[in-house]
Amino acid sequence: MQITQHDDTVQHELRRLIPRQFADWQGRYMIEGDPEKRWRDCRVTDISSAGAGLELCDAGSEAIEGCRIILNLQLKAEIRHSQETPNNRRRVGTQFVELSEAERAYLSSLETLDARW
């Protein structure tokens, strides 16, 4: 399926309608297909259920628009219960702890939007 300029504009407008939450989170990212498979630091400046605004550290001057990245964010949680699964893995339930106001607001907005991943 070919995406036209009109489709791209409509997608952009829809993304802007989704509420963004201010954030000031540290994260890490890796450019997909990077031959070095190197994790780099970034700062998340805002986030929504559709995407995030990032400040990439050590990104260099190469053109990266259109590249895909893997984003790693860290939220602290405490394991509340644990059980072994039939396939010898461990299933755990967690409760978030020490959330910043921005992290709490974002997670709350997902519930309000009835977001599904």
N, C-alpha and C. Protein backbone atom coordinates (compact mmCIF):
# COMPACT_ATOMS: atom_id res chain seq x y z
N MET A 1 0.84 -1.17 0.00
CA MET A 1 0.00 0.00 0.00
C MET A 1 0.89 1.24 0.00
N GLN A 2 0.64 2.14 -0.90
CA GLN A 2 1.43 3.36 -1.01
C GLN A 2 0.78 4.48 -0.20
N ILE A 3 1.59 5.17 0.57
CA ILE A 3 1.08 6.28 1.37
C ILE A 3 1.28 7.56 0.58
N THR A 4 0.20 8.30 0.42
CA THR A 4 0.28 9.56 -0.32
C THR A 4 0.59 10.69 0.64
N GLN A 5 0.94 11.84 0.07
CA GLN A 5 1.22 13.03 0.88
C GLN A 5 0.00 13.39 1.73
N HIS A 6 -1.21 13.24 1.16
CA HIS A 6 -2.45 13.54 1.90
C HIS A 6 -2.58 12.62 3.11
N ASP A 7 -2.32 11.30 2.91
CA ASP A 7 -2.41 10.35 4.02
C ASP A 7 -1.43 10.70 5.12
N ASP A 8 -0.22 11.10 4.71
CA ASP A 8 0.81 11.47 5.67
C ASP A 8 0.38 12.70 6.48
N THR A 9 -0.24 13.67 5.82
CA THR A 9 -0.71 14.88 6.49
C THR A 9 -1.82 14.54 7.48
N VAL A 10 -2.74 13.68 7.09
CA VAL A 10 -3.84 13.27 7.99
C VAL A 10 -3.28 12.56 9.21
N GLN A 11 -2.31 11.64 9.00
CA GLN A 11 -1.69 10.93 10.12
C GLN A 11 -1.03 11.92 11.08
N HIS A 12 -0.34 12.92 10.53
CA HIS A 12 0.33 13.93 11.35
C HIS A 12 -0.70 14.70 12.18
N GLU A 13 -1.80 15.09 11.57
CA GLU A 13 -2.84 15.83 12.30
C GLU A 13 -3.45 14.98 13.41
N LEU A 14 -3.68 13.69 13.15
CA LEU A 14 -4.24 12.81 14.18
C LEU A 14 -3.28 12.67 15.35
N ARG A 15 -1.99 12.54 15.06
CA ARG A 15 -1.00 12.44 16.13
C ARG A 15 -1.01 13.67 17.01
N ARG A 16 -1.22 14.83 16.44
CA ARG A 16 -1.21 16.07 17.21
C ARG A 16 -2.43 16.18 18.11
N LEU A 17 -3.51 15.46 17.82
CA LEU A 17 -4.72 15.51 18.65
C LEU A 17 -4.56 14.71 19.94
N ILE A 18 -3.64 13.76 19.96
CA ILE A 18 -3.45 12.93 21.14
C ILE A 18 -2.69 13.75 22.18
N PRO A 19 -3.24 13.83 23.40
CA PRO A 19 -2.59 14.65 24.43
C PRO A 19 -1.18 14.18 24.75
N ARG A 20 -0.28 15.14 24.86
CA ARG A 20 1.10 14.85 25.23
C ARG A 20 1.31 15.26 26.68
N GLN A 21 2.11 14.49 27.37
CA GLN A 21 2.48 14.80 28.75
C GLN A 21 3.92 15.28 28.76
N PHE A 22 4.17 16.39 29.45
CA PHE A 22 5.55 16.84 29.64
C PHE A 22 6.32 15.75 30.38
N ALA A 23 7.55 15.55 30.03
CA ALA A 23 8.40 14.57 30.72
C ALA A 23 9.82 15.12 30.80
N ASP A 24 10.55 14.61 31.71
CA ASP A 24 11.97 14.91 31.82
C ASP A 24 12.63 13.61 32.29
N TRP A 25 12.60 12.60 31.42
CA TRP A 25 13.08 11.27 31.77
C TRP A 25 14.36 10.98 31.02
N GLN A 26 15.23 10.27 31.67
CA GLN A 26 16.43 9.77 31.01
C GLN A 26 16.09 8.45 30.35
N GLY A 27 16.66 8.21 29.21
CA GLY A 27 16.44 6.96 28.50
C GLY A 27 17.65 6.59 27.68
N ARG A 28 17.52 5.54 26.94
CA ARG A 28 18.57 5.10 26.03
C ARG A 28 17.89 4.71 24.72
N TYR A 29 18.61 4.82 23.63
CA TYR A 29 18.08 4.44 22.34
C TYR A 29 19.18 3.81 21.50
N MET A 30 18.75 2.98 20.55
CA MET A 30 19.67 2.41 19.58
C MET A 30 19.02 2.55 18.21
N ILE A 31 19.79 2.99 17.25
CA ILE A 31 19.28 3.09 15.88
C ILE A 31 19.21 1.68 15.32
N GLU A 32 18.02 1.30 14.84
CA GLU A 32 17.82 -0.04 14.31
C GLU A 32 18.77 -0.27 13.13
N GLY A 33 19.44 -1.39 13.14
CA GLY A 33 20.37 -1.72 12.07
C GLY A 33 21.76 -1.16 12.28
N ASP A 34 22.00 -0.48 13.42
CA ASP A 34 23.34 0.06 13.72
C ASP A 34 24.32 -1.11 13.77
N PRO A 35 25.35 -1.11 12.91
CA PRO A 35 26.29 -2.23 12.92
C PRO A 35 27.04 -2.37 14.25
N GLU A 36 27.19 -1.26 14.98
CA GLU A 36 27.85 -1.31 16.29
C GLU A 36 26.91 -1.76 17.41
N LYS A 37 25.58 -1.74 17.14
CA LYS A 37 24.57 -2.08 18.15
C LYS A 37 24.85 -1.31 19.45
N ARG A 38 25.05 -0.01 19.29
CA ARG A 38 25.45 0.84 20.41
C ARG A 38 24.24 1.56 21.00
N TRP A 39 24.08 1.45 22.32
CA TRP A 39 23.06 2.19 23.04
C TRP A 39 23.60 3.58 23.31
N ARG A 40 22.75 4.59 23.10
CA ARG A 40 23.13 5.98 23.31
C ARG A 40 22.13 6.60 24.29
N ASP A 41 22.56 7.66 24.96
CA ASP A 41 21.69 8.34 25.92
C ASP A 41 20.73 9.29 25.22
N CYS A 42 19.56 9.47 25.83
CA CYS A 42 18.60 10.46 25.34
C CYS A 42 17.81 10.99 26.53
N ARG A 43 17.08 12.05 26.27
CA ARG A 43 16.17 12.62 27.26
C ARG A 43 14.80 12.69 26.63
N VAL A 44 13.80 12.15 27.31
CA VAL A 44 12.42 12.21 26.84
C VAL A 44 11.84 13.53 27.32
N THR A 45 11.39 14.38 26.39
CA THR A 45 10.87 15.70 26.76
C THR A 45 9.35 15.71 26.84
N ASP A 46 8.68 14.87 26.05
CA ASP A 46 7.23 14.72 26.15
C ASP A 46 6.87 13.35 25.60
N ILE A 47 5.68 12.87 26.01
CA ILE A 47 5.28 11.53 25.62
C ILE A 47 3.77 11.46 25.50
N SER A 48 3.30 10.64 24.57
CA SER A 48 1.88 10.35 24.41
C SER A 48 1.75 8.89 24.06
N SER A 49 0.53 8.40 23.90
CA SER A 49 0.36 7.01 23.53
C SER A 49 0.76 6.76 22.08
N ALA A 50 1.02 7.83 21.30
CA ALA A 50 1.43 7.68 19.91
C ALA A 50 2.92 7.85 19.69
N GLY A 51 3.62 8.45 20.63
CA GLY A 51 5.05 8.67 20.43
C GLY A 51 5.64 9.55 21.51
N ALA A 52 6.87 9.97 21.29
CA ALA A 52 7.57 10.76 22.29
C ALA A 52 8.46 11.79 21.61
N GLY A 53 8.69 12.89 22.31
CA GLY A 53 9.68 13.87 21.90
C GLY A 53 10.98 13.55 22.62
N LEU A 54 12.06 13.43 21.89
CA LEU A 54 13.34 13.04 22.47
C LEU A 54 14.42 14.05 22.14
N GLU A 55 15.38 14.19 23.03
CA GLU A 55 16.63 14.87 22.73
C GLU A 55 17.68 13.77 22.69
N LEU A 56 18.24 13.53 21.50
CA LEU A 56 19.22 12.46 21.33
C LEU A 56 20.61 12.98 21.62
N CYS A 57 21.30 12.33 22.54
CA CYS A 57 22.68 12.68 22.85
C CYS A 57 23.57 11.87 21.92
N ASP A 58 24.66 12.45 21.50
CA ASP A 58 25.65 11.74 20.68
C ASP A 58 25.03 11.21 19.38
N ALA A 59 24.11 11.97 18.80
CA ALA A 59 23.45 11.52 17.58
C ALA A 59 24.29 11.80 16.34
N GLY A 60 25.25 12.70 16.45
CA GLY A 60 26.05 13.04 15.29
C GLY A 60 25.24 13.89 14.32
N SER A 61 25.81 14.16 13.18
CA SER A 61 25.13 15.03 12.21
C SER A 61 24.53 14.25 11.05
N GLU A 62 24.61 12.92 11.09
CA GLU A 62 24.05 12.14 10.00
C GLU A 62 22.54 12.29 9.95
N ALA A 63 21.99 12.15 8.75
CA ALA A 63 20.54 12.24 8.58
C ALA A 63 19.91 10.99 9.17
N ILE A 64 19.02 11.16 10.13
CA ILE A 64 18.39 10.00 10.76
C ILE A 64 16.87 9.99 10.60
N GLU A 65 16.31 11.03 9.98
CA GLU A 65 14.86 11.07 9.79
C GLU A 65 14.44 9.86 8.97
N GLY A 66 13.40 9.19 9.42
CA GLY A 66 12.92 7.98 8.76
C GLY A 66 13.54 6.71 9.31
N CYS A 67 14.63 6.84 10.07
CA CYS A 67 15.24 5.67 10.71
C CYS A 67 14.35 5.23 11.87
N ARG A 68 14.40 3.98 12.17
CA ARG A 68 13.70 3.48 13.35
C ARG A 68 14.69 3.36 14.49
N ILE A 69 14.20 3.63 15.70
CA ILE A 69 15.04 3.47 16.88
C ILE A 69 14.35 2.56 17.88
N ILE A 70 15.14 1.97 18.72
CA ILE A 70 14.64 1.18 19.85
C ILE A 70 14.82 2.07 21.06
N LEU A 71 13.76 2.31 21.79
CA LEU A 71 13.77 3.23 22.93
C LEU A 71 13.65 2.44 24.22
N ASN A 72 14.52 2.71 25.16
CA ASN A 72 14.54 2.03 26.44
C ASN A 72 14.30 3.06 27.53
N LEU A 73 13.15 2.96 28.19
CA LEU A 73 12.83 3.85 29.32
C LEU A 73 12.86 3.03 30.59
N GLN A 74 13.16 3.67 31.68
CA GLN A 74 13.24 2.95 32.93
C GLN A 74 12.22 3.48 33.92
N LEU A 75 11.36 2.58 34.38
CA LEU A 75 10.42 2.88 35.46
C LEU A 75 10.71 1.87 36.57
N LYS A 76 10.79 2.35 37.80
CA LYS A 76 11.04 1.44 38.93
C LYS A 76 9.74 0.81 39.38
N ALA A 77 9.83 -0.49 39.71
CA ALA A 77 8.66 -1.22 40.20
C ALA A 77 9.12 -2.24 41.23
N GLU A 78 8.20 -2.59 42.12
CA GLU A 78 8.46 -3.61 43.12
C GLU A 78 7.67 -4.86 42.74
N ILE A 79 8.32 -6.01 42.81
CA ILE A 79 7.63 -7.28 42.50
C ILE A 79 6.69 -7.59 43.66
N ARG A 80 5.40 -7.74 43.34
CA ARG A 80 4.38 -7.99 44.36
C ARG A 80 4.01 -9.46 44.47
N HIS A 81 4.09 -10.20 43.38
CA HIS A 81 3.88 -11.65 43.43
C HIS A 81 4.61 -12.29 42.26
N SER A 82 4.88 -13.58 42.42
CA SER A 82 5.70 -14.29 41.44
C SER A 82 5.24 -15.74 41.35
N GLN A 83 5.25 -16.29 40.12
CA GLN A 83 4.94 -17.71 39.97
C GLN A 83 5.63 -18.25 38.73
N GLU A 84 5.94 -19.52 38.77
CA GLU A 84 6.56 -20.17 37.62
C GLU A 84 5.48 -20.52 36.60
N THR A 85 5.82 -20.38 35.32
CA THR A 85 4.87 -20.72 34.26
C THR A 85 5.17 -22.13 33.74
N PRO A 86 4.22 -22.72 33.01
CA PRO A 86 4.45 -24.07 32.48
C PRO A 86 5.68 -24.18 31.57
N ASN A 87 6.10 -23.10 30.94
CA ASN A 87 7.26 -23.16 30.04
C ASN A 87 8.56 -22.73 30.73
N ASN A 88 8.62 -22.93 32.05
CA ASN A 88 9.83 -22.65 32.86
C ASN A 88 10.27 -21.20 32.81
N ARG A 89 9.33 -20.31 32.73
CA ARG A 89 9.62 -18.89 32.87
C ARG A 89 9.01 -18.42 34.18
N ARG A 90 9.22 -17.19 34.53
CA ARG A 90 8.66 -16.64 35.75
C ARG A 90 7.76 -15.48 35.40
N ARG A 91 6.52 -15.54 35.85
CA ARG A 91 5.54 -14.46 35.67
C ARG A 91 5.49 -13.68 36.96
N VAL A 92 5.70 -12.35 36.87
CA VAL A 92 5.66 -11.52 38.07
C VAL A 92 4.67 -10.38 37.87
N GLY A 93 4.06 -9.98 38.95
CA GLY A 93 3.22 -8.79 38.99
C GLY A 93 3.98 -7.71 39.73
N THR A 94 3.94 -6.50 39.22
CA THR A 94 4.70 -5.42 39.84
C THR A 94 3.80 -4.24 40.16
N GLN A 95 4.31 -3.41 41.04
CA GLN A 95 3.67 -2.13 41.36
C GLN A 95 4.73 -1.06 41.20
N PHE A 96 4.42 -0.02 40.41
CA PHE A 96 5.37 1.06 40.21
C PHE A 96 5.66 1.77 41.52
N VAL A 97 6.91 2.16 41.72
CA VAL A 97 7.34 2.88 42.92
C VAL A 97 8.18 4.08 42.49
N GLU A 98 8.22 5.07 43.34
CA GLU A 98 9.05 6.26 43.14
C GLU A 98 8.83 6.92 41.79
N LEU A 99 7.56 6.99 41.35
CA LEU A 99 7.26 7.64 40.08
C LEU A 99 7.32 9.15 40.24
N SER A 100 7.86 9.81 39.24
CA SER A 100 7.81 11.27 39.24
C SER A 100 6.38 11.69 38.89
N GLU A 101 6.08 12.95 39.08
CA GLU A 101 4.75 13.45 38.74
C GLU A 101 4.47 13.27 37.25
N ALA A 102 5.48 13.47 36.40
CA ALA A 102 5.31 13.30 34.95
C ALA A 102 5.04 11.84 34.59
N GLU A 103 5.75 10.92 35.23
CA GLU A 103 5.52 9.49 34.97
C GLU A 103 4.12 9.10 35.41
N ARG A 104 3.71 9.57 36.57
CA ARG A 104 2.38 9.27 37.09
C ARG A 104 1.29 9.84 36.17
N ALA A 105 1.49 11.07 35.70
CA ALA A 105 0.51 11.70 34.81
C ALA A 105 0.41 10.93 33.49
N TYR A 106 1.54 10.50 32.96
CA TYR A 106 1.51 9.75 31.69
C TYR A 106 0.78 8.43 31.86
N LEU A 107 1.09 7.67 32.90
CA LEU A 107 0.42 6.39 33.10
C LEU A 107 -1.07 6.60 33.32
N SER A 108 -1.42 7.66 34.02
CA SER A 108 -2.83 7.99 34.23
C SER A 108 -3.52 8.32 32.91
N SER A 109 -2.81 9.03 32.03
CA SER A 109 -3.42 9.39 30.74
C SER A 109 -3.68 8.16 29.89
N LEU A 110 -2.86 7.13 30.00
CA LEU A 110 -3.09 5.90 29.25
C LEU A 110 -4.41 5.25 29.69
N GLU A 111 -4.66 5.28 30.98
CA GLU A 111 -5.91 4.73 31.50
C GLU A 111 -7.10 5.55 31.01
N THR A 112 -6.97 6.86 31.04
CA THR A 112 -8.04 7.76 30.59
C THR A 112 -8.35 7.53 29.12
N LEU A 113 -7.30 7.35 28.30
CA LEU A 113 -7.47 7.13 26.86
C LEU A 113 -7.87 5.71 26.53
N ASP A 114 -7.88 4.82 27.54
CA ASP A 114 -8.16 3.40 27.34
C ASP A 114 -7.18 2.82 26.32
N ALA A 115 -5.91 3.19 26.47
CA ALA A 115 -4.87 2.77 25.52
C ALA A 115 -4.63 1.28 25.64
N ARG A 116 -4.37 0.65 24.51
CA ARG A 116 -4.06 -0.79 24.44
C ARG A 116 -2.77 -0.98 23.67
N TRP A 117 -1.85 -1.78 24.19
CA TRP A 117 -0.61 -2.06 23.49
C TRP A 117 -0.60 -3.50 23.07
